Amino acid sequence: NVAVALALASGARAGRGVDFAGNITVAKAQCLVAHGYGDFGIVRAWHSYGAFDEDAPSAVAALWSGGFASVDVYLFPCPTKNAFTQVREMVGNLSARGVRYGNVWLDIEEDPSTGCGWSANKSANCEVMALLAQAINATGIPWGTYASTYEWTTVMGAACVVPLAIQHRLWYPHYQKPADPSFDDFVPFGGWTHPFTKQYADTDGGVCIGGQADLNWRP
């Protein structure tokens, strides 16, 4: 159950980590740890077309077995589907499979899946975000939002502030050359004034999992 997942999960860890979608072997997780990216991992647990990611349980387990210090999951919502149903089904599936995880991240960006695109009405999209925030907050699981200035403005509009969301953590992407694992570049948006995690590169360089992992940092 959810209580078990929360009780077993470790707290958020500082340092460097990865996020990815799909499966991973224990050996590849060990490789990431050996290269200094094992402080935290974040795995997709909900597809953008509105369904549970069946790879998530084994991927999360592989990270733990490979030596990761903490493991979170992310939910890529389908905005045309009920927010509470999506959260309930993702959390229920994770619980039923005994998945041990810490935080849930709401992945807010343009949705490429058929039938799941965000509306042209940004005010309506902001309302959907508020419902997603209510849905995940109601579970009692620690959570946050993944969003960039560009995606938030494109999807929600620059004026959108979701009070419940800004009470929780922000994970934002920004790729620079050279890669910069710091918050020196951060510009407040959406009501957030301080980030929690930065996705600073969109590939691991193919060292461990074929370039499919994004690299992240948190102080």
N, C-alpha and C. Protein backbone atom coordinates (compact mmCIF):
# COMPACT_ATOMS: atom_id res chain seq x y z
N ASN A 1 0.84 -1.20 0.00
CA ASN A 1 0.00 0.00 0.00
C ASN A 1 0.87 1.24 0.00
N VAL A 2 0.21 2.39 -0.09
CA VAL A 2 0.96 3.65 -0.17
C VAL A 2 1.80 3.86 1.08
N ALA A 3 1.24 3.52 2.23
CA ALA A 3 1.98 3.71 3.47
C ALA A 3 3.28 2.92 3.48
N VAL A 4 3.22 1.70 2.94
CA VAL A 4 4.42 0.87 2.87
C VAL A 4 5.46 1.51 1.96
N ALA A 5 4.99 2.00 0.80
CA ALA A 5 5.92 2.64 -0.14
C ALA A 5 6.61 3.83 0.50
N LEU A 6 5.85 4.62 1.25
CA LEU A 6 6.43 5.80 1.89
C LEU A 6 7.38 5.42 3.01
N ALA A 7 7.01 4.39 3.76
CA ALA A 7 7.84 4.00 4.89
C ALA A 7 9.18 3.45 4.44
N LEU A 8 9.20 2.77 3.30
CA LEU A 8 10.42 2.14 2.82
C LEU A 8 11.31 3.09 2.04
N ALA A 9 10.72 4.13 1.47
CA ALA A 9 11.48 5.01 0.58
C ALA A 9 12.43 5.90 1.37
N SER A 10 13.58 6.16 0.79
CA SER A 10 14.51 7.07 1.42
C SER A 10 14.14 8.50 1.07
N GLY A 11 14.70 9.46 1.82
CA GLY A 11 14.44 10.85 1.53
C GLY A 11 15.19 11.31 0.30
N ALA A 12 14.88 12.53 -0.14
CA ALA A 12 15.56 13.08 -1.31
C ALA A 12 17.04 13.25 -1.00
N ARG A 13 17.88 12.89 -1.96
CA ARG A 13 19.32 12.96 -1.77
C ARG A 13 19.93 14.04 -2.64
N ALA A 14 20.93 14.72 -2.07
CA ALA A 14 21.69 15.70 -2.83
C ALA A 14 22.68 14.96 -3.73
N GLY A 15 23.25 15.68 -4.70
CA GLY A 15 24.25 15.07 -5.56
C GLY A 15 23.81 15.00 -7.00
N ARG A 16 24.24 13.95 -7.69
CA ARG A 16 23.93 13.79 -9.10
C ARG A 16 23.14 12.51 -9.33
N GLY A 17 22.21 12.59 -10.30
CA GLY A 17 21.37 11.44 -10.59
C GLY A 17 20.93 11.43 -12.04
N VAL A 18 20.05 10.50 -12.35
CA VAL A 18 19.55 10.35 -13.72
C VAL A 18 18.04 10.20 -13.71
N ASP A 19 17.44 10.50 -14.85
CA ASP A 19 16.04 10.14 -15.08
C ASP A 19 15.95 9.50 -16.45
N PHE A 20 14.97 8.61 -16.60
CA PHE A 20 14.81 7.93 -17.87
C PHE A 20 13.44 7.25 -17.93
N ALA A 21 13.08 6.84 -19.14
CA ALA A 21 11.86 6.08 -19.37
C ALA A 21 12.25 4.71 -19.91
N GLY A 22 11.55 3.67 -19.48
CA GLY A 22 11.85 2.33 -19.97
C GLY A 22 12.56 1.51 -18.91
N ASN A 23 13.13 0.40 -19.33
CA ASN A 23 13.74 -0.52 -18.39
C ASN A 23 15.25 -0.32 -18.31
N ILE A 24 15.86 -0.99 -17.36
CA ILE A 24 17.30 -0.91 -17.15
C ILE A 24 17.73 -2.17 -16.42
N THR A 25 18.94 -2.60 -16.67
CA THR A 25 19.47 -3.77 -15.95
C THR A 25 20.21 -3.31 -14.70
N VAL A 26 20.39 -4.25 -13.78
CA VAL A 26 21.15 -3.94 -12.57
C VAL A 26 22.59 -3.54 -12.94
N ALA A 27 23.16 -4.22 -13.93
CA ALA A 27 24.53 -3.91 -14.35
C ALA A 27 24.64 -2.48 -14.85
N LYS A 28 23.65 -2.02 -15.60
CA LYS A 28 23.68 -0.64 -16.10
C LYS A 28 23.48 0.36 -14.96
N ALA A 29 22.64 -0.01 -14.00
CA ALA A 29 22.48 0.85 -12.83
C ALA A 29 23.78 0.94 -12.05
N GLN A 30 24.48 -0.17 -11.92
CA GLN A 30 25.78 -0.17 -11.24
C GLN A 30 26.78 0.70 -11.99
N CYS A 31 26.71 0.68 -13.32
CA CYS A 31 27.58 1.51 -14.14
C CYS A 31 27.33 2.99 -13.84
N LEU A 32 26.06 3.38 -13.75
CA LEU A 32 25.72 4.77 -13.45
C LEU A 32 26.24 5.17 -12.08
N VAL A 33 26.10 4.27 -11.11
CA VAL A 33 26.62 4.55 -9.77
C VAL A 33 28.13 4.74 -9.82
N ALA A 34 28.81 3.87 -10.56
CA ALA A 34 30.26 3.94 -10.66
C ALA A 34 30.74 5.24 -11.30
N HIS A 35 29.90 5.81 -12.18
CA HIS A 35 30.26 7.06 -12.84
C HIS A 35 29.78 8.29 -12.08
N GLY A 36 29.25 8.08 -10.88
CA GLY A 36 28.91 9.22 -10.03
C GLY A 36 27.49 9.73 -10.14
N TYR A 37 26.59 8.92 -10.73
CA TYR A 37 25.21 9.37 -10.92
C TYR A 37 24.21 8.60 -10.07
N GLY A 38 24.67 7.99 -8.99
CA GLY A 38 23.81 7.13 -8.21
C GLY A 38 23.18 7.74 -6.97
N ASP A 39 23.24 9.06 -6.84
CA ASP A 39 22.61 9.68 -5.66
C ASP A 39 21.09 9.61 -5.73
N PHE A 40 20.55 9.72 -6.93
CA PHE A 40 19.09 9.58 -7.09
C PHE A 40 18.74 9.21 -8.53
N GLY A 41 17.67 8.46 -8.66
CA GLY A 41 17.15 8.11 -9.97
C GLY A 41 15.67 8.43 -10.04
N ILE A 42 15.20 8.79 -11.22
CA ILE A 42 13.78 9.12 -11.40
C ILE A 42 13.30 8.37 -12.64
N VAL A 43 12.28 7.54 -12.46
CA VAL A 43 11.81 6.61 -13.49
C VAL A 43 10.39 6.95 -13.89
N ARG A 44 10.10 6.90 -15.20
CA ARG A 44 8.72 7.12 -15.64
C ARG A 44 7.82 5.98 -15.18
N ALA A 45 6.69 6.34 -14.57
CA ALA A 45 5.73 5.34 -14.12
C ALA A 45 4.35 5.51 -14.76
N TRP A 46 4.20 6.56 -15.58
CA TRP A 46 2.91 6.79 -16.24
C TRP A 46 3.16 7.39 -17.61
N HIS A 47 2.62 6.73 -18.64
CA HIS A 47 2.82 7.17 -20.01
C HIS A 47 2.01 8.43 -20.34
N SER A 48 2.50 9.20 -21.32
CA SER A 48 1.83 10.42 -21.76
C SER A 48 0.48 10.14 -22.41
N TYR A 49 0.22 8.90 -22.78
CA TYR A 49 -1.09 8.56 -23.36
C TYR A 49 -2.08 8.06 -22.30
N GLY A 50 -1.68 8.15 -21.03
CA GLY A 50 -2.61 7.86 -19.95
C GLY A 50 -2.68 6.42 -19.52
N ALA A 51 -1.54 5.78 -19.33
CA ALA A 51 -1.52 4.38 -18.89
C ALA A 51 -0.27 4.12 -18.06
N PHE A 52 -0.37 3.14 -17.18
CA PHE A 52 0.75 2.76 -16.33
C PHE A 52 1.91 2.26 -17.17
N ASP A 53 3.13 2.64 -16.78
CA ASP A 53 4.33 2.17 -17.47
C ASP A 53 4.76 0.84 -16.84
N GLU A 54 4.55 -0.23 -17.56
CA GLU A 54 4.83 -1.56 -17.03
C GLU A 54 6.31 -1.81 -16.79
N ASP A 55 7.17 -0.98 -17.36
CA ASP A 55 8.60 -1.12 -17.11
C ASP A 55 9.02 -0.55 -15.76
N ALA A 56 8.18 0.29 -15.17
CA ALA A 56 8.58 1.01 -13.96
C ALA A 56 8.96 0.10 -12.80
N PRO A 57 8.16 -0.92 -12.46
CA PRO A 57 8.54 -1.73 -11.29
C PRO A 57 9.92 -2.36 -11.40
N SER A 58 10.24 -2.94 -12.55
CA SER A 58 11.55 -3.58 -12.69
C SER A 58 12.66 -2.55 -12.79
N ALA A 59 12.39 -1.39 -13.42
CA ALA A 59 13.41 -0.34 -13.52
C ALA A 59 13.74 0.22 -12.14
N VAL A 60 12.73 0.48 -11.34
CA VAL A 60 12.96 1.00 -9.99
C VAL A 60 13.74 -0.04 -9.17
N ALA A 61 13.34 -1.29 -9.27
CA ALA A 61 14.03 -2.35 -8.53
C ALA A 61 15.49 -2.45 -8.94
N ALA A 62 15.76 -2.30 -10.24
CA ALA A 62 17.14 -2.38 -10.74
C ALA A 62 18.00 -1.26 -10.17
N LEU A 63 17.43 -0.07 -10.07
CA LEU A 63 18.19 1.06 -9.51
C LEU A 63 18.54 0.79 -8.05
N TRP A 64 17.57 0.33 -7.28
CA TRP A 64 17.86 0.01 -5.88
C TRP A 64 18.94 -1.07 -5.80
N SER A 65 18.77 -2.13 -6.58
CA SER A 65 19.74 -3.23 -6.55
C SER A 65 21.12 -2.80 -7.03
N GLY A 66 21.14 -1.83 -7.94
CA GLY A 66 22.40 -1.35 -8.47
C GLY A 66 23.14 -0.39 -7.55
N GLY A 67 22.49 -0.01 -6.44
CA GLY A 67 23.17 0.84 -5.47
C GLY A 67 22.75 2.29 -5.42
N PHE A 68 21.62 2.64 -6.08
CA PHE A 68 21.15 4.02 -6.01
C PHE A 68 20.71 4.35 -4.59
N ALA A 69 20.99 5.59 -4.17
CA ALA A 69 20.66 6.02 -2.82
C ALA A 69 19.19 6.36 -2.64
N SER A 70 18.54 6.83 -3.69
CA SER A 70 17.11 7.12 -3.63
C SER A 70 16.52 6.98 -5.03
N VAL A 71 15.23 6.65 -5.08
CA VAL A 71 14.56 6.46 -6.37
C VAL A 71 13.17 7.08 -6.31
N ASP A 72 12.87 7.94 -7.29
CA ASP A 72 11.55 8.55 -7.45
C ASP A 72 10.90 8.05 -8.73
N VAL A 73 9.65 8.44 -8.94
CA VAL A 73 8.97 8.14 -10.19
C VAL A 73 8.34 9.42 -10.73
N TYR A 74 8.06 9.43 -12.04
CA TYR A 74 7.34 10.57 -12.60
C TYR A 74 6.12 10.15 -13.38
N LEU A 75 5.15 11.03 -13.38
CA LEU A 75 3.88 10.83 -14.05
C LEU A 75 3.76 11.85 -15.17
N PHE A 76 3.70 11.35 -16.41
CA PHE A 76 3.52 12.22 -17.58
C PHE A 76 2.02 12.18 -17.89
N PRO A 77 1.25 13.17 -17.44
CA PRO A 77 -0.20 13.08 -17.53
C PRO A 77 -0.75 13.28 -18.94
N CYS A 78 -1.86 12.63 -19.19
CA CYS A 78 -2.67 12.91 -20.38
C CYS A 78 -3.72 13.92 -19.94
N PRO A 79 -3.62 15.17 -20.37
CA PRO A 79 -4.50 16.22 -19.84
C PRO A 79 -5.98 16.07 -20.19
N THR A 80 -6.30 15.21 -21.17
CA THR A 80 -7.71 15.01 -21.52
C THR A 80 -8.36 13.91 -20.69
N LYS A 81 -7.58 13.26 -19.84
CA LYS A 81 -8.12 12.22 -18.97
C LYS A 81 -8.22 12.74 -17.54
N ASN A 82 -9.06 12.11 -16.74
CA ASN A 82 -9.31 12.57 -15.38
C ASN A 82 -8.04 12.53 -14.54
N ALA A 83 -7.73 13.65 -13.90
CA ALA A 83 -6.50 13.76 -13.13
C ALA A 83 -6.48 12.78 -11.96
N PHE A 84 -7.58 12.68 -11.24
CA PHE A 84 -7.63 11.82 -10.06
C PHE A 84 -7.53 10.35 -10.45
N THR A 85 -8.13 9.99 -11.58
CA THR A 85 -8.06 8.61 -12.04
C THR A 85 -6.63 8.23 -12.41
N GLN A 86 -5.94 9.12 -13.10
CA GLN A 86 -4.56 8.83 -13.50
C GLN A 86 -3.65 8.66 -12.28
N VAL A 87 -3.77 9.55 -11.33
CA VAL A 87 -2.95 9.45 -10.13
C VAL A 87 -3.30 8.18 -9.36
N ARG A 88 -4.58 7.92 -9.21
CA ARG A 88 -5.01 6.73 -8.46
C ARG A 88 -4.51 5.44 -9.11
N GLU A 89 -4.59 5.38 -10.44
CA GLU A 89 -4.16 4.16 -11.13
C GLU A 89 -2.64 3.98 -11.07
N MET A 90 -1.90 5.08 -11.21
CA MET A 90 -0.45 4.94 -11.12
C MET A 90 -0.03 4.50 -9.73
N VAL A 91 -0.51 5.19 -8.71
CA VAL A 91 -0.15 4.85 -7.34
C VAL A 91 -0.62 3.43 -6.99
N GLY A 92 -1.82 3.07 -7.47
CA GLY A 92 -2.36 1.74 -7.20
C GLY A 92 -1.52 0.64 -7.82
N ASN A 93 -1.08 0.86 -9.04
CA ASN A 93 -0.24 -0.13 -9.71
C ASN A 93 1.11 -0.27 -9.02
N LEU A 94 1.70 0.85 -8.64
CA LEU A 94 2.97 0.78 -7.93
C LEU A 94 2.82 0.06 -6.60
N SER A 95 1.74 0.35 -5.90
CA SER A 95 1.49 -0.28 -4.61
C SER A 95 1.26 -1.78 -4.77
N ALA A 96 0.47 -2.15 -5.77
CA ALA A 96 0.16 -3.56 -5.98
C ALA A 96 1.39 -4.39 -6.29
N ARG A 97 2.38 -3.75 -6.88
CA ARG A 97 3.63 -4.45 -7.24
C ARG A 97 4.72 -4.28 -6.19
N GLY A 98 4.37 -3.62 -5.09
CA GLY A 98 5.33 -3.46 -4.01
C GLY A 98 6.51 -2.57 -4.34
N VAL A 99 6.30 -1.58 -5.21
CA VAL A 99 7.40 -0.71 -5.65
C VAL A 99 7.78 0.26 -4.53
N ARG A 100 9.06 0.34 -4.26
CA ARG A 100 9.58 1.23 -3.22
C ARG A 100 10.11 2.50 -3.88
N TYR A 101 9.54 3.65 -3.56
CA TYR A 101 9.93 4.91 -4.17
C TYR A 101 9.70 6.05 -3.20
N GLY A 102 10.29 7.19 -3.53
CA GLY A 102 10.17 8.35 -2.66
C GLY A 102 9.15 9.34 -3.14
N ASN A 103 9.55 10.22 -4.06
CA ASN A 103 8.68 11.27 -4.56
C ASN A 103 8.01 10.90 -5.88
N VAL A 104 6.90 11.57 -6.15
CA VAL A 104 6.26 11.53 -7.46
C VAL A 104 6.41 12.91 -8.08
N TRP A 105 6.83 12.94 -9.35
CA TRP A 105 6.97 14.19 -10.07
C TRP A 105 5.94 14.27 -11.19
N LEU A 106 5.24 15.39 -11.28
CA LEU A 106 4.30 15.64 -12.38
C LEU A 106 5.08 16.25 -13.54
N ASP A 107 5.13 15.55 -14.65
CA ASP A 107 5.89 15.99 -15.83
C ASP A 107 5.01 16.89 -16.69
N ILE A 108 5.27 18.19 -16.62
CA ILE A 108 4.43 19.15 -17.33
C ILE A 108 5.16 19.68 -18.55
N GLU A 109 4.72 19.23 -19.70
CA GLU A 109 5.26 19.67 -20.99
C GLU A 109 4.26 19.32 -22.07
N GLU A 110 4.52 19.78 -23.28
CA GLU A 110 3.62 19.46 -24.38
C GLU A 110 3.52 17.95 -24.54
N ASP A 111 2.31 17.46 -24.77
CA ASP A 111 2.06 16.03 -24.82
C ASP A 111 1.95 15.57 -26.27
N PRO A 112 2.83 14.67 -26.72
CA PRO A 112 2.83 14.24 -28.12
C PRO A 112 1.84 13.13 -28.43
N SER A 113 1.20 12.57 -27.42
CA SER A 113 0.34 11.41 -27.65
C SER A 113 -1.01 11.80 -28.25
N THR A 114 -1.47 11.00 -29.19
CA THR A 114 -2.75 11.24 -29.86
C THR A 114 -3.88 11.29 -28.84
N GLY A 115 -4.69 12.34 -28.93
CA GLY A 115 -5.83 12.48 -28.04
C GLY A 115 -5.49 13.02 -26.67
N CYS A 116 -4.23 13.32 -26.44
CA CYS A 116 -3.80 13.77 -25.12
C CYS A 116 -3.13 15.14 -25.13
N GLY A 117 -3.32 15.88 -26.21
CA GLY A 117 -2.70 17.20 -26.28
C GLY A 117 -3.34 18.19 -25.32
N TRP A 118 -2.55 19.15 -24.88
CA TRP A 118 -3.09 20.22 -24.05
C TRP A 118 -3.98 21.12 -24.89
N SER A 119 -4.92 21.73 -24.26
CA SER A 119 -5.86 22.63 -24.93
C SER A 119 -5.15 23.91 -25.39
N ALA A 120 -5.75 24.58 -26.37
CA ALA A 120 -5.24 25.89 -26.78
C ALA A 120 -5.61 26.95 -25.74
N ASN A 121 -6.51 26.59 -24.84
CA ASN A 121 -6.97 27.49 -23.78
C ASN A 121 -6.04 27.32 -22.57
N LYS A 122 -5.13 28.24 -22.38
CA LYS A 122 -4.14 28.11 -21.32
C LYS A 122 -4.77 28.21 -19.93
N SER A 123 -5.82 28.97 -19.80
CA SER A 123 -6.50 29.05 -18.50
C SER A 123 -7.09 27.70 -18.12
N ALA A 124 -7.64 27.00 -19.12
CA ALA A 124 -8.18 25.67 -18.88
C ALA A 124 -7.07 24.70 -18.49
N ASN A 125 -5.91 24.85 -19.15
CA ASN A 125 -4.78 23.99 -18.82
C ASN A 125 -4.31 24.23 -17.39
N CYS A 126 -4.32 25.47 -16.97
CA CYS A 126 -3.92 25.81 -15.61
C CYS A 126 -4.86 25.15 -14.60
N GLU A 127 -6.13 25.07 -14.96
CA GLU A 127 -7.11 24.41 -14.10
C GLU A 127 -6.84 22.91 -14.02
N VAL A 128 -6.43 22.32 -15.14
CA VAL A 128 -6.08 20.89 -15.15
C VAL A 128 -4.88 20.66 -14.23
N MET A 129 -3.90 21.55 -14.30
CA MET A 129 -2.74 21.43 -13.44
C MET A 129 -3.15 21.50 -11.96
N ALA A 130 -4.09 22.36 -11.66
CA ALA A 130 -4.56 22.47 -10.28
C ALA A 130 -5.20 21.16 -9.82
N LEU A 131 -5.93 20.50 -10.73
CA LEU A 131 -6.55 19.22 -10.40
C LEU A 131 -5.50 18.13 -10.21
N LEU A 132 -4.48 18.13 -11.06
CA LEU A 132 -3.39 17.16 -10.90
C LEU A 132 -2.70 17.35 -9.55
N ALA A 133 -2.47 18.61 -9.19
CA ALA A 133 -1.84 18.91 -7.91
C ALA A 133 -2.71 18.41 -6.75
N GLN A 134 -4.01 18.66 -6.84
CA GLN A 134 -4.92 18.18 -5.80
C GLN A 134 -4.91 16.67 -5.70
N ALA A 135 -4.89 16.02 -6.87
CA ALA A 135 -4.95 14.56 -6.91
C ALA A 135 -3.73 13.92 -6.26
N ILE A 136 -2.55 14.39 -6.63
CA ILE A 136 -1.35 13.79 -6.06
C ILE A 136 -1.17 14.20 -4.61
N ASN A 137 -1.55 15.41 -4.26
CA ASN A 137 -1.42 15.86 -2.88
C ASN A 137 -2.30 15.03 -1.95
N ALA A 138 -3.44 14.62 -2.45
CA ALA A 138 -4.39 13.84 -1.64
C ALA A 138 -3.85 12.46 -1.27
N THR A 139 -2.85 11.98 -1.99
CA THR A 139 -2.29 10.66 -1.67
C THR A 139 -1.39 10.69 -0.45
N GLY A 140 -0.88 11.87 -0.11
CA GLY A 140 0.04 11.98 1.00
C GLY A 140 1.48 11.64 0.64
N ILE A 141 1.72 11.33 -0.63
CA ILE A 141 3.07 11.01 -1.10
C ILE A 141 3.81 12.32 -1.41
N PRO A 142 5.06 12.44 -1.02
CA PRO A 142 5.82 13.65 -1.38
C PRO A 142 5.84 13.81 -2.90
N TRP A 143 5.71 15.05 -3.36
CA TRP A 143 5.64 15.25 -4.81
C TRP A 143 6.19 16.61 -5.20
N GLY A 144 6.39 16.75 -6.50
CA GLY A 144 6.85 18.01 -7.05
C GLY A 144 6.49 18.09 -8.52
N THR A 145 6.95 19.14 -9.17
CA THR A 145 6.63 19.39 -10.57
C THR A 145 7.90 19.49 -11.40
N TYR A 146 7.87 18.83 -12.56
CA TYR A 146 8.94 18.98 -13.55
C TYR A 146 8.42 19.91 -14.63
N ALA A 147 9.09 21.02 -14.84
CA ALA A 147 8.67 21.99 -15.85
C ALA A 147 9.80 22.95 -16.14
N SER A 148 9.79 23.48 -17.36
CA SER A 148 10.73 24.54 -17.74
C SER A 148 9.95 25.83 -17.94
N THR A 149 10.66 26.93 -17.97
CA THR A 149 10.01 28.21 -18.25
C THR A 149 9.26 28.14 -19.58
N TYR A 150 9.92 27.59 -20.60
CA TYR A 150 9.32 27.51 -21.93
C TYR A 150 8.06 26.66 -21.93
N GLU A 151 8.15 25.46 -21.38
CA GLU A 151 7.00 24.55 -21.41
C GLU A 151 5.86 25.09 -20.56
N TRP A 152 6.18 25.64 -19.40
CA TRP A 152 5.13 26.17 -18.53
C TRP A 152 4.41 27.32 -19.23
N THR A 153 5.16 28.21 -19.84
CA THR A 153 4.55 29.35 -20.53
C THR A 153 3.75 28.89 -21.75
N THR A 154 4.30 27.91 -22.48
CA THR A 154 3.62 27.41 -23.68
C THR A 154 2.31 26.70 -23.33
N VAL A 155 2.34 25.90 -22.29
CA VAL A 155 1.17 25.08 -21.94
C VAL A 155 0.21 25.82 -21.03
N MET A 156 0.73 26.43 -19.97
CA MET A 156 -0.12 27.03 -18.94
C MET A 156 -0.31 28.54 -19.09
N GLY A 157 0.67 29.18 -19.72
CA GLY A 157 0.64 30.63 -19.80
C GLY A 157 1.48 31.23 -18.69
N ALA A 158 2.12 32.34 -18.97
CA ALA A 158 3.02 32.97 -18.00
C ALA A 158 2.30 33.38 -16.71
N ALA A 159 0.99 33.62 -16.81
CA ALA A 159 0.25 34.10 -15.64
C ALA A 159 -0.22 32.97 -14.72
N CYS A 160 -0.06 31.72 -15.16
CA CYS A 160 -0.57 30.59 -14.36
C CYS A 160 0.31 30.35 -13.14
N VAL A 161 -0.34 30.40 -11.97
CA VAL A 161 0.29 30.03 -10.71
C VAL A 161 -0.67 29.08 -10.01
N VAL A 162 -0.19 27.91 -9.65
CA VAL A 162 -1.01 26.93 -8.93
C VAL A 162 -0.52 26.91 -7.48
N PRO A 163 -1.27 27.54 -6.57
CA PRO A 163 -0.78 27.69 -5.20
C PRO A 163 -0.32 26.39 -4.55
N LEU A 164 -1.05 25.32 -4.77
CA LEU A 164 -0.66 24.05 -4.16
C LEU A 164 0.65 23.53 -4.74
N ALA A 165 0.85 23.73 -6.04
CA ALA A 165 2.07 23.24 -6.68
C ALA A 165 3.31 23.97 -6.18
N ILE A 166 3.21 25.28 -6.00
CA ILE A 166 4.40 26.03 -5.61
C ILE A 166 4.76 25.83 -4.13
N GLN A 167 3.90 25.13 -3.40
CA GLN A 167 4.26 24.73 -2.04
C GLN A 167 5.16 23.50 -2.05
N HIS A 168 5.31 22.92 -3.25
CA HIS A 168 6.11 21.70 -3.40
C HIS A 168 7.28 21.97 -4.35
N ARG A 169 8.12 20.96 -4.50
CA ARG A 169 9.40 21.14 -5.17
C ARG A 169 9.28 21.32 -6.69
N LEU A 170 10.27 22.02 -7.22
CA LEU A 170 10.39 22.21 -8.66
C LEU A 170 11.66 21.54 -9.17
N TRP A 171 11.50 20.77 -10.23
CA TRP A 171 12.61 20.14 -10.97
C TRP A 171 12.55 20.73 -12.37
N TYR A 172 13.59 21.41 -12.79
CA TYR A 172 13.53 22.09 -14.08
C TYR A 172 14.68 21.66 -14.99
N PRO A 173 14.46 21.65 -16.32
CA PRO A 173 15.52 21.34 -17.26
C PRO A 173 16.12 22.61 -17.88
N HIS A 174 17.42 22.61 -18.03
CA HIS A 174 18.09 23.66 -18.80
C HIS A 174 19.44 23.14 -19.22
N TYR A 175 19.62 22.99 -20.53
CA TYR A 175 20.86 22.44 -21.06
C TYR A 175 21.76 23.58 -21.54
N GLN A 176 22.98 23.61 -21.04
CA GLN A 176 23.94 24.65 -21.39
C GLN A 176 25.23 24.01 -21.89
N LYS A 177 26.00 24.76 -22.63
CA LYS A 177 27.31 24.29 -23.10
C LYS A 177 28.38 25.26 -22.61
N PRO A 178 29.29 24.77 -21.78
CA PRO A 178 29.33 23.40 -21.24
C PRO A 178 28.22 23.17 -20.22
N ALA A 179 27.94 21.90 -19.95
CA ALA A 179 26.89 21.56 -18.99
C ALA A 179 27.19 22.21 -17.64
N ASP A 180 26.14 22.73 -17.01
CA ASP A 180 26.32 23.48 -15.77
C ASP A 180 25.40 22.94 -14.68
N PRO A 181 25.89 22.01 -13.86
CA PRO A 181 25.10 21.51 -12.75
C PRO A 181 25.08 22.51 -11.59
N SER A 182 24.32 23.59 -11.76
CA SER A 182 24.14 24.60 -10.73
C SER A 182 22.83 25.31 -11.00
N PHE A 183 22.39 26.14 -10.06
CA PHE A 183 21.17 26.92 -10.22
C PHE A 183 21.46 28.36 -10.66
N ASP A 184 22.67 28.63 -11.11
CA ASP A 184 23.05 29.99 -11.47
C ASP A 184 22.19 30.56 -12.60
N ASP A 185 21.61 29.68 -13.40
CA ASP A 185 20.81 30.10 -14.56
C ASP A 185 19.34 30.29 -14.24
N PHE A 186 18.90 29.89 -13.06
CA PHE A 186 17.46 29.82 -12.78
C PHE A 186 16.80 31.19 -12.75
N VAL A 187 15.68 31.30 -13.46
CA VAL A 187 14.84 32.50 -13.46
C VAL A 187 13.46 32.08 -12.97
N PRO A 188 12.92 32.71 -11.93
CA PRO A 188 11.62 32.31 -11.39
C PRO A 188 10.52 32.29 -12.46
N PHE A 189 9.62 31.33 -12.34
CA PHE A 189 8.45 31.24 -13.23
C PHE A 189 7.36 30.45 -12.52
N GLY A 190 6.12 30.65 -12.94
CA GLY A 190 5.01 29.88 -12.42
C GLY A 190 4.76 30.00 -10.93
N GLY A 191 5.41 30.98 -10.29
CA GLY A 191 5.27 31.14 -8.85
C GLY A 191 6.40 30.51 -8.06
N TRP A 192 7.23 29.69 -8.72
CA TRP A 192 8.38 29.10 -8.04
C TRP A 192 9.52 30.11 -8.00
N THR A 193 10.13 30.25 -6.85
CA THR A 193 11.26 31.17 -6.72
C THR A 193 12.58 30.44 -6.47
N HIS A 194 12.48 29.18 -6.05
CA HIS A 194 13.68 28.39 -5.78
C HIS A 194 13.47 26.97 -6.31
N PRO A 195 14.38 26.47 -7.13
CA PRO A 195 14.26 25.10 -7.62
C PRO A 195 14.83 24.10 -6.61
N PHE A 196 14.53 22.83 -6.87
CA PHE A 196 15.05 21.76 -6.02
C PHE A 196 16.04 20.88 -6.77
N THR A 197 15.76 20.65 -8.05
CA THR A 197 16.62 19.79 -8.87
C THR A 197 16.72 20.40 -10.27
N LYS A 198 17.89 20.24 -10.89
CA LYS A 198 18.08 20.69 -12.26
C LYS A 198 18.48 19.52 -13.15
N GLN A 199 17.78 19.40 -14.28
CA GLN A 199 18.16 18.45 -15.34
C GLN A 199 19.09 19.24 -16.26
N TYR A 200 20.38 18.91 -16.21
CA TYR A 200 21.35 19.77 -16.88
C TYR A 200 21.90 19.20 -18.18
N ALA A 201 21.58 17.95 -18.50
CA ALA A 201 22.02 17.35 -19.77
C ALA A 201 21.02 16.29 -20.18
N ASP A 202 20.81 16.14 -21.48
CA ASP A 202 19.80 15.20 -21.95
C ASP A 202 20.39 13.89 -22.46
N THR A 203 21.61 13.59 -22.06
CA THR A 203 22.22 12.31 -22.42
C THR A 203 23.33 11.97 -21.45
N ASP A 204 23.51 10.69 -21.22
CA ASP A 204 24.63 10.25 -20.39
C ASP A 204 25.87 10.00 -21.24
N GLY A 205 25.80 10.39 -22.51
CA GLY A 205 26.94 10.22 -23.41
C GLY A 205 27.12 8.80 -23.89
N GLY A 206 26.13 7.96 -23.61
CA GLY A 206 26.21 6.58 -24.06
C GLY A 206 27.10 5.71 -23.19
N VAL A 207 27.56 6.26 -22.07
CA VAL A 207 28.50 5.54 -21.23
C VAL A 207 27.87 4.29 -20.62
N CYS A 208 26.64 4.42 -20.13
CA CYS A 208 26.02 3.29 -19.41
C CYS A 208 24.75 2.76 -20.07
N ILE A 209 23.87 3.64 -20.50
CA ILE A 209 22.61 3.15 -21.06
C ILE A 209 22.32 3.79 -22.42
N GLY A 210 23.35 3.89 -23.22
CA GLY A 210 23.15 4.29 -24.61
C GLY A 210 22.65 5.70 -24.82
N GLY A 211 22.98 6.58 -23.89
CA GLY A 211 22.55 7.97 -24.06
C GLY A 211 21.11 8.23 -23.75
N GLN A 212 20.41 7.25 -23.15
CA GLN A 212 18.97 7.41 -22.91
C GLN A 212 18.64 8.04 -21.56
N ALA A 213 19.65 8.33 -20.75
CA ALA A 213 19.41 8.92 -19.44
C ALA A 213 19.70 10.41 -19.46
N ASP A 214 18.83 11.19 -18.85
CA ASP A 214 19.10 12.61 -18.62
C ASP A 214 19.90 12.72 -17.32
N LEU A 215 20.77 13.71 -17.26
CA LEU A 215 21.59 13.92 -16.08
C LEU A 215 21.02 15.05 -15.22
N ASN A 216 21.05 14.86 -13.93
CA ASN A 216 20.44 15.80 -13.00
C ASN A 216 21.35 16.10 -11.83
N TRP A 217 21.09 17.25 -11.20
CA TRP A 217 21.89 17.69 -10.04
C TRP A 217 20.97 18.38 -9.05
N ARG A 218 21.30 18.19 -7.77
CA ARG A 218 20.63 18.98 -6.71
C ARG A 218 21.64 19.21 -5.60
N PRO A 219 21.59 20.37 -4.96
CA PRO A 219 22.59 20.69 -3.92
C PRO A 219 22.32 19.93 -2.62
